[in-house]
Structures are given as structure tokens and as C-alpha cells.
Amino acid sequence: MKIITIEREFGSGGRELGRRLADALHIPCYDQEIIQEAARLHNLDPAYLERISESDIRAVYPRTIGHRFASLHPLPDDSVKVASSQKKVIERLAGQGDCVLVGRSADIILKERNPFSIFVYADQPSKLARCISRASDGETQSEILRQMKRIDKNPRSGSGRLC
């Protein structure tokens, strides 16, 4: 079974790489579908789940999902709920057959399945140019830089941004 996980820096093009790779291999690619399904499972707003994923979801996996060590700091219940939901969705999707999974710490969740894991990065000017070209109306360069800095502090957060 071919399971490919892609983690990425904000604006590096990891999402596009995942889609292109899946198309070339004729296998499904899962990205926002993971958030959509986790939101459906808990009847939550997908945008709310996306914000949780961007902020602190990475901290939940090693402590609660991976059982590596006990959490030293309490995490919000929603973070644990979202992490658990995403884990279930990712495991179900990977169990269905060959696929590419973008973000959401799929590489950690599926570690025992030995996925082919890719980390995509780029220099800041390239990431900024990519994000600016895809920016929504009114989004400024300084706003993009702030978001890039915030998300890249935790590059494996699985940002839902399009760039």
C-alpha cells in the first residue's frame, strides 16, 4: 500500500505538491477533507477546527494520542476532541488504500504504517510571493508575513491556507 504524507511550511506549496503527486499516481489526496469529516463527526464548524489545528493541535498528538508522555500542561477539551477526530479520520482514509495525506500530523499518526513522508519548505521570499499571488482581496503583505511567522513557529500544524 502506498501511503504518502506531506507536511509543509506555510506557503511552501505542499498542498499543490500533494494534489499533483496524487494525480500522477492516480490515487486520492486528502487535505481539507480531513477537517470537513472531523467537523461533521462532532457537528462543529470546519473553520473553528481549522483555527484549532493551526494553533495547538501539534501539542496534542505526542502527549495524548501518541501516549509518549503525560501532558504537563492541560489542553483545551476541544483540542483533544479535534486531535482524536482527525486521528480517526486519517486512520480510516489510510486504511481504505493508497493515498496522499496533506498536513494534520498524518506522518506521526500513521508512523506504524511506515508512510513515505515528505516535508516541503521554501525560502521566505518564495513563500511570500506564492501567498501574495493567492491572497484574498484586502489581505496585505504584512498580514501574510504575520500569519507566516505564527504558523511557521509550528510548521507541522497543518495550516489550512491555500498558499
Protein backbone atom coordinates (compact mmCIF):
# COMPACT_ATOMS: atom_id res chain seq x y z
CA MET A 1 0.00 0.00 0.00
CA LYS A 2 1.28 3.47 -0.90
CA ILE A 3 0.64 5.99 1.85
CA ILE A 4 2.35 9.33 1.35
CA THR A 5 2.23 12.06 3.96
CA ILE A 6 3.12 15.65 3.25
CA GLU A 7 3.86 18.17 5.97
CA ARG A 8 4.84 21.68 5.00
CA GLU A 9 5.74 25.21 5.88
CA PHE A 10 3.17 27.91 5.36
CA GLY A 11 3.16 29.00 1.72
CA SER A 12 5.66 26.40 0.52
CA GLY A 13 3.32 24.71 -1.97
CA GLY A 14 2.96 21.42 -0.10
CA ARG A 15 -0.76 21.23 -0.78
CA GLU A 16 -0.23 21.68 -4.52
CA LEU A 17 2.58 19.11 -4.49
CA GLY A 18 0.27 16.64 -2.76
CA ARG A 19 -2.50 17.13 -5.33
CA ARG A 20 -0.10 16.81 -8.25
CA LEU A 21 1.55 13.71 -6.80
CA ALA A 22 -1.81 12.06 -6.17
CA ASP A 23 -2.96 12.89 -9.70
CA ALA A 24 0.23 11.44 -11.19
CA LEU A 25 -0.16 8.25 -9.15
CA HIS A 26 -3.94 8.09 -9.74
CA ILE A 27 -4.66 7.90 -6.01
CA PRO A 28 -6.79 10.12 -3.76
CA CYS A 29 -5.37 13.13 -1.97
CA TYR A 30 -6.85 14.17 1.36
CA ASP A 31 -6.34 17.60 2.82
CA GLN A 32 -9.32 19.78 3.73
CA GLU A 33 -11.42 16.61 3.56
CA ILE A 34 -9.88 15.59 6.88
CA ILE A 35 -11.11 18.78 8.57
CA GLN A 36 -14.52 18.52 6.88
CA GLU A 37 -15.02 14.96 8.09
CA ALA A 38 -13.79 15.69 11.64
CA ALA A 39 -16.14 18.68 11.77
CA ARG A 40 -19.03 16.52 10.60
CA LEU A 41 -18.29 13.88 13.25
CA HIS A 42 -18.64 16.46 16.04
CA ASN A 43 -21.11 18.82 14.41
CA LEU A 44 -18.58 21.65 14.61
CA ASP A 45 -17.78 24.49 12.24
CA PRO A 46 -14.87 23.48 9.94
CA ALA A 47 -13.39 26.99 10.25
CA TYR A 48 -13.30 26.54 14.04
CA LEU A 49 -11.49 23.21 13.66
CA GLU A 50 -9.06 24.84 11.26
CA ARG A 51 -8.20 27.51 13.83
CA ILE A 52 -7.58 24.86 16.47
CA SER A 53 -5.40 22.91 14.05
CA GLU A 54 -3.33 25.99 13.28
CA SER A 55 -2.83 26.93 16.90
CA ASP A 56 -2.15 23.98 19.14
CA ILE A 57 -3.13 20.65 17.65
CA ARG A 58 0.50 19.50 17.28
CA ALA A 59 0.94 19.57 21.03
CA VAL A 60 -1.91 17.12 21.48
CA TYR A 61 -0.51 14.25 19.40
CA PRO A 62 2.64 13.35 21.29
CA ARG A 63 1.01 13.79 24.67
CA THR A 64 -2.42 12.27 24.32
CA ILE A 65 -2.75 10.47 21.02
CA GLY A 66 0.76 9.03 20.79
CA HIS A 67 0.90 8.19 24.51
CA ARG A 68 4.59 9.19 24.63
CA PHE A 69 4.31 11.00 27.92
CA ALA A 70 1.68 12.53 30.11
CA SER A 71 0.63 16.08 29.39
CA LEU A 72 2.33 18.52 31.70
CA HIS A 73 0.02 21.34 30.67
CA PRO A 74 -3.72 20.97 30.40
CA LEU A 75 -5.02 21.43 26.88
CA PRO A 76 -8.46 22.70 25.94
CA ASP A 77 -11.02 19.91 25.60
CA ASP A 78 -11.73 20.95 22.02
CA SER A 79 -8.06 20.46 21.08
CA VAL A 80 -8.14 16.89 22.34
CA LYS A 81 -11.50 16.28 20.65
CA VAL A 82 -10.23 17.66 17.34
CA ALA A 83 -6.98 15.68 17.54
CA SER A 84 -8.87 12.50 18.28
CA SER A 85 -11.32 13.11 15.43
CA GLN A 86 -8.60 13.90 12.95
CA LYS A 87 -6.69 10.80 14.01
CA LYS A 88 -9.73 8.60 13.40
CA VAL A 89 -10.39 10.17 10.01
CA ILE A 90 -6.75 9.86 8.93
CA GLU A 91 -6.53 6.23 10.03
CA ARG A 92 -9.79 5.40 8.22
CA LEU A 93 -8.68 7.11 5.00
CA ALA A 94 -5.27 5.39 5.09
CA GLY A 95 -6.98 2.06 5.72
CA GLN A 96 -9.01 2.43 2.53
CA GLY A 97 -5.94 2.13 0.31
CA ASP A 98 -3.26 4.13 -1.47
CA CYS A 99 -3.45 7.87 -0.77
CA VAL A 100 -1.67 11.15 -0.17
CA LEU A 101 -2.44 12.89 3.13
CA VAL A 102 -1.54 16.56 3.45
CA GLY A 103 -0.85 18.02 6.88
CA ARG A 104 -2.66 17.23 10.13
CA SER A 105 0.39 15.38 11.52
CA ALA A 106 -0.53 12.34 9.43
CA ASP A 107 3.13 11.29 9.43
CA ILE A 108 3.00 10.86 13.21
CA ILE A 109 -0.45 9.30 13.31
CA LEU A 110 0.46 6.73 10.65
CA LYS A 111 4.03 6.12 11.83
CA GLU A 112 3.40 2.40 12.39
CA ARG A 113 2.27 2.06 8.74
CA ASN A 114 5.65 3.42 7.65
CA PRO A 115 4.35 6.05 5.20
CA PHE A 116 6.59 7.78 2.70
CA SER A 117 6.86 11.18 4.40
CA ILE A 118 7.74 14.43 2.69
CA PHE A 119 8.38 17.80 4.30
CA VAL A 120 8.05 20.78 1.94
CA TYR A 121 9.78 24.06 2.66
CA ALA A 122 10.85 27.15 0.77
CA ASP A 123 12.69 30.38 1.40
CA GLN A 124 10.65 33.27 2.76
CA PRO A 125 10.62 35.38 -0.43
CA SER A 126 9.26 32.43 -2.42
CA LYS A 127 6.61 31.63 0.18
CA LEU A 128 5.59 35.28 0.41
CA ALA A 129 5.31 35.61 -3.38
CA ARG A 130 3.20 32.44 -3.52
CA CYS A 131 0.87 33.68 -0.78
CA ILE A 132 0.53 37.15 -2.28
CA SER A 133 -0.45 35.64 -5.62
CA ARG A 134 -3.22 33.70 -3.88
CA ALA A 135 -4.23 36.33 -1.31
CA SER A 136 -7.84 37.26 -0.86
CA ASP A 137 -8.90 40.81 -1.57
CA GLY A 138 -7.66 43.18 1.07
CA GLU A 139 -5.08 40.83 2.58
CA THR A 140 -1.85 42.78 2.95
CA GLN A 141 1.74 41.63 2.74
CA SER A 142 2.27 42.44 6.42
CA GLU A 143 -0.75 40.32 7.38
CA ILE A 144 0.60 37.43 5.33
CA LEU A 145 4.04 37.79 6.93
CA ARG A 146 2.48 37.78 10.43
CA GLN A 147 0.48 34.67 9.62
CA MET A 148 3.53 33.00 8.07
CA LYS A 149 5.59 33.72 11.18
CA ARG A 150 2.84 32.49 13.52
CA ILE A 151 2.23 29.26 11.64
CA ASP A 152 5.87 28.52 10.84
CA LYS A 153 6.67 28.57 14.56
CA ASN A 154 4.99 25.19 14.39
CA PRO A 155 5.49 24.13 10.76
CA ARG A 156 3.72 20.82 11.16
CA SER A 157 0.48 22.40 12.27
CA GLY A 158 -1.27 21.57 9.03
CA SER A 159 -2.31 25.04 8.09
CA GLY A 160 -5.43 25.20 6.01
CA ARG A 161 -4.23 28.18 3.98
CA LEU A 162 -4.24 27.81 0.22
CA CYS A 163 -0.76 29.15 -0.31
